[in-house]
Amino acid sequence: MAMVYARKWASELPDRCQLCAMRLEDNDWVDGKTERGSWAHMCLRCHEEYGYGLGTGCGQRWNKDGWWVKG
C-alpha cells in the first residue's frame, strides 16, 4: 500500500490576498506565481486573473485551515 502524505502550511497563514487585499480567513487561496513572474498569496479570483497556473513551479492551492488542496 502506498504512503499518503498530508501537506500542511508550515508557517503563519496569510490573512489577505497580496494582490487585492481580500481577507483569506474563510476561503481557499493560492501560493503561486503570477503572470509577471513574482509569487504571491492570492485569493482564487486574483489567481484566475493573474496566476500562472497550478503545479510544480507554478503554484499550490491551500484551504482556509492550511491544508494543501490537490487538483
N, C-alpha and C. Protein backbone atom coordinates (compact mmCIF):
# COMPACT_ATOMS: atom_id res chain seq x y z
N MET A 1 0.84 -1.18 0.00
CA MET A 1 0.00 0.00 0.00
C MET A 1 0.89 1.25 0.00
N ALA A 2 0.58 2.20 -0.83
CA ALA A 2 1.38 3.42 -0.95
C ALA A 2 1.12 4.34 0.24
N MET A 3 2.17 5.04 0.66
CA MET A 3 2.04 6.01 1.74
C MET A 3 1.45 7.30 1.17
N VAL A 4 0.56 7.91 1.92
CA VAL A 4 -0.03 9.18 1.53
C VAL A 4 0.40 10.22 2.56
N TYR A 5 1.01 11.28 2.09
CA TYR A 5 1.49 12.32 2.98
C TYR A 5 0.60 13.55 2.87
N ALA A 6 0.10 14.01 3.99
CA ALA A 6 -0.68 15.25 4.01
C ALA A 6 0.29 16.42 4.01
N ARG A 7 -0.06 17.48 3.35
CA ARG A 7 0.78 18.67 3.31
C ARG A 7 0.07 19.78 4.05
N LYS A 8 0.71 20.30 5.06
CA LYS A 8 0.15 21.37 5.88
C LYS A 8 1.07 22.59 5.78
N TRP A 9 0.47 23.78 5.64
CA TRP A 9 1.22 25.02 5.59
C TRP A 9 2.06 25.12 6.86
N ALA A 10 3.36 25.38 6.75
CA ALA A 10 4.29 25.28 7.88
C ALA A 10 4.48 26.56 8.67
N SER A 11 3.99 27.68 8.20
CA SER A 11 4.17 28.93 8.94
C SER A 11 2.81 29.58 9.17
N GLU A 12 2.83 30.80 9.64
CA GLU A 12 1.58 31.53 9.88
C GLU A 12 0.81 31.67 8.56
N LEU A 13 -0.49 31.39 8.61
CA LEU A 13 -1.32 31.50 7.41
C LEU A 13 -1.46 32.96 6.98
N PRO A 14 -1.43 33.22 5.68
CA PRO A 14 -1.64 34.60 5.22
C PRO A 14 -3.07 35.02 5.53
N ASP A 15 -3.25 36.28 5.88
CA ASP A 15 -4.61 36.74 6.21
C ASP A 15 -5.27 37.52 5.09
N ARG A 16 -4.50 37.99 4.11
CA ARG A 16 -5.07 38.77 3.00
C ARG A 16 -4.39 38.41 1.68
N CYS A 17 -5.15 38.55 0.61
CA CYS A 17 -4.60 38.41 -0.73
C CYS A 17 -3.59 39.54 -0.94
N GLN A 18 -2.43 39.21 -1.45
CA GLN A 18 -1.40 40.22 -1.65
C GLN A 18 -1.64 41.05 -2.91
N LEU A 19 -2.66 40.72 -3.69
CA LEU A 19 -2.96 41.50 -4.89
C LEU A 19 -4.16 42.42 -4.69
N CYS A 20 -5.22 41.96 -4.04
CA CYS A 20 -6.42 42.79 -3.88
C CYS A 20 -6.77 43.08 -2.42
N ALA A 21 -6.06 42.50 -1.48
CA ALA A 21 -6.24 42.69 -0.04
C ALA A 21 -7.51 42.05 0.53
N MET A 22 -8.18 41.17 -0.24
CA MET A 22 -9.34 40.47 0.29
C MET A 22 -8.90 39.55 1.44
N ARG A 23 -9.73 39.46 2.47
CA ARG A 23 -9.43 38.57 3.59
C ARG A 23 -9.52 37.12 3.13
N LEU A 24 -8.55 36.31 3.56
CA LEU A 24 -8.49 34.92 3.15
C LEU A 24 -8.98 33.96 4.23
N GLU A 25 -9.36 34.46 5.38
CA GLU A 25 -9.63 33.60 6.54
C GLU A 25 -10.70 32.52 6.32
N ASP A 26 -11.67 32.74 5.48
CA ASP A 26 -12.73 31.75 5.25
C ASP A 26 -12.72 31.19 3.84
N ASN A 27 -11.61 31.31 3.15
CA ASN A 27 -11.57 30.93 1.74
C ASN A 27 -10.32 30.13 1.41
N ASP A 28 -10.41 29.32 0.35
CA ASP A 28 -9.22 28.70 -0.22
C ASP A 28 -8.38 29.81 -0.84
N TRP A 29 -7.09 29.57 -1.00
CA TRP A 29 -6.19 30.56 -1.55
C TRP A 29 -5.05 29.85 -2.26
N VAL A 30 -4.27 30.60 -3.02
CA VAL A 30 -3.17 30.03 -3.80
C VAL A 30 -1.87 30.74 -3.42
N ASP A 31 -0.83 29.95 -3.20
CA ASP A 31 0.53 30.46 -3.09
C ASP A 31 1.14 30.17 -4.45
N GLY A 32 1.24 31.20 -5.29
CA GLY A 32 1.65 30.89 -6.65
C GLY A 32 2.31 32.02 -7.40
N LYS A 33 2.79 31.64 -8.56
CA LYS A 33 3.47 32.54 -9.48
C LYS A 33 2.42 33.36 -10.22
N THR A 34 2.73 34.63 -10.45
CA THR A 34 1.84 35.50 -11.22
C THR A 34 2.36 35.62 -12.65
N GLU A 35 1.55 36.22 -13.50
CA GLU A 35 1.94 36.42 -14.90
C GLU A 35 3.25 37.19 -15.03
N ARG A 36 3.53 38.07 -14.09
CA ARG A 36 4.74 38.89 -14.14
C ARG A 36 5.97 38.18 -13.60
N GLY A 37 5.78 36.97 -13.05
CA GLY A 37 6.92 36.20 -12.56
C GLY A 37 7.11 36.22 -11.06
N SER A 38 6.50 37.19 -10.38
CA SER A 38 6.62 37.22 -8.92
C SER A 38 5.64 36.21 -8.31
N TRP A 39 5.83 35.88 -7.06
CA TRP A 39 4.95 34.96 -6.34
C TRP A 39 4.12 35.75 -5.34
N ALA A 40 2.92 35.25 -5.03
CA ALA A 40 2.04 35.93 -4.09
C ALA A 40 1.07 34.94 -3.46
N HIS A 41 0.56 35.32 -2.30
CA HIS A 41 -0.59 34.62 -1.71
C HIS A 41 -1.80 35.30 -2.32
N MET A 42 -2.63 34.53 -3.04
CA MET A 42 -3.73 35.12 -3.81
C MET A 42 -5.07 34.48 -3.48
N CYS A 43 -6.12 35.29 -3.53
CA CYS A 43 -7.47 34.74 -3.49
C CYS A 43 -7.70 34.01 -4.83
N LEU A 44 -8.70 33.18 -4.89
CA LEU A 44 -8.94 32.41 -6.11
C LEU A 44 -9.29 33.31 -7.30
N ARG A 45 -9.99 34.41 -7.04
CA ARG A 45 -10.33 35.33 -8.13
C ARG A 45 -9.08 35.96 -8.75
N CYS A 46 -8.17 36.43 -7.90
CA CYS A 46 -6.93 37.02 -8.42
C CYS A 46 -6.07 35.96 -9.10
N HIS A 47 -6.07 34.74 -8.57
CA HIS A 47 -5.30 33.68 -9.23
C HIS A 47 -5.85 33.39 -10.62
N GLU A 48 -7.17 33.40 -10.75
CA GLU A 48 -7.77 33.17 -12.06
C GLU A 48 -7.37 34.26 -13.05
N GLU A 49 -7.28 35.49 -12.56
CA GLU A 49 -6.97 36.61 -13.45
C GLU A 49 -5.47 36.80 -13.68
N TYR A 50 -4.66 36.62 -12.62
CA TYR A 50 -3.23 36.95 -12.71
C TYR A 50 -2.29 35.76 -12.52
N GLY A 51 -2.82 34.62 -12.07
CA GLY A 51 -1.99 33.47 -11.76
C GLY A 51 -1.44 32.77 -12.99
N TYR A 52 -0.39 32.02 -12.78
CA TYR A 52 0.31 31.32 -13.86
C TYR A 52 -0.16 29.88 -14.01
N GLY A 53 -0.89 29.39 -13.03
CA GLY A 53 -1.38 28.01 -13.06
C GLY A 53 -1.14 27.33 -11.73
N LEU A 54 -1.38 26.02 -11.70
CA LEU A 54 -1.14 25.21 -10.51
C LEU A 54 -0.21 24.07 -10.86
N GLY A 55 0.58 23.65 -9.91
CA GLY A 55 1.51 22.55 -10.11
C GLY A 55 2.92 22.97 -9.76
N THR A 56 3.84 22.05 -9.87
CA THR A 56 5.24 22.32 -9.53
C THR A 56 5.77 23.50 -10.34
N GLY A 57 6.33 24.47 -9.65
CA GLY A 57 6.88 25.65 -10.30
C GLY A 57 5.86 26.71 -10.65
N CYS A 58 4.58 26.45 -10.40
CA CYS A 58 3.51 27.41 -10.74
C CYS A 58 2.77 27.89 -9.49
N GLY A 59 2.27 26.97 -8.70
CA GLY A 59 1.54 27.35 -7.50
C GLY A 59 0.78 26.18 -6.90
N GLN A 60 0.38 26.37 -5.65
CA GLN A 60 -0.38 25.36 -4.95
C GLN A 60 -1.61 26.01 -4.31
N ARG A 61 -2.72 25.27 -4.33
CA ARG A 61 -3.95 25.75 -3.71
C ARG A 61 -4.01 25.20 -2.29
N TRP A 62 -4.40 26.05 -1.36
CA TRP A 62 -4.49 25.70 0.06
C TRP A 62 -5.90 26.03 0.55
N ASN A 63 -6.37 25.28 1.55
CA ASN A 63 -7.68 25.61 2.10
C ASN A 63 -7.52 26.57 3.27
N LYS A 64 -8.63 27.01 3.83
CA LYS A 64 -8.61 28.02 4.89
C LYS A 64 -7.91 27.55 6.15
N ASP A 65 -7.74 26.23 6.33
CA ASP A 65 -7.09 25.68 7.50
C ASP A 65 -5.61 25.38 7.25
N GLY A 66 -5.12 25.69 6.06
CA GLY A 66 -3.71 25.50 5.73
C GLY A 66 -3.35 24.12 5.21
N TRP A 67 -4.33 23.38 4.71
CA TRP A 67 -4.05 22.07 4.11
C TRP A 67 -4.03 22.20 2.59
N TRP A 68 -3.05 21.55 1.97
CA TRP A 68 -2.89 21.57 0.52
C TRP A 68 -4.09 20.90 -0.14
N VAL A 69 -4.62 21.54 -1.19
CA VAL A 69 -5.74 21.00 -1.96
C VAL A 69 -5.19 20.52 -3.28
N LYS A 70 -5.16 19.20 -3.47
CA LYS A 70 -4.63 18.66 -4.72
C LYS A 70 -5.64 18.85 -5.83
N GLY A 71 -5.16 19.27 -6.97
CA GLY A 71 -6.06 19.41 -8.09
C GLY A 71 -5.78 20.53 -9.00
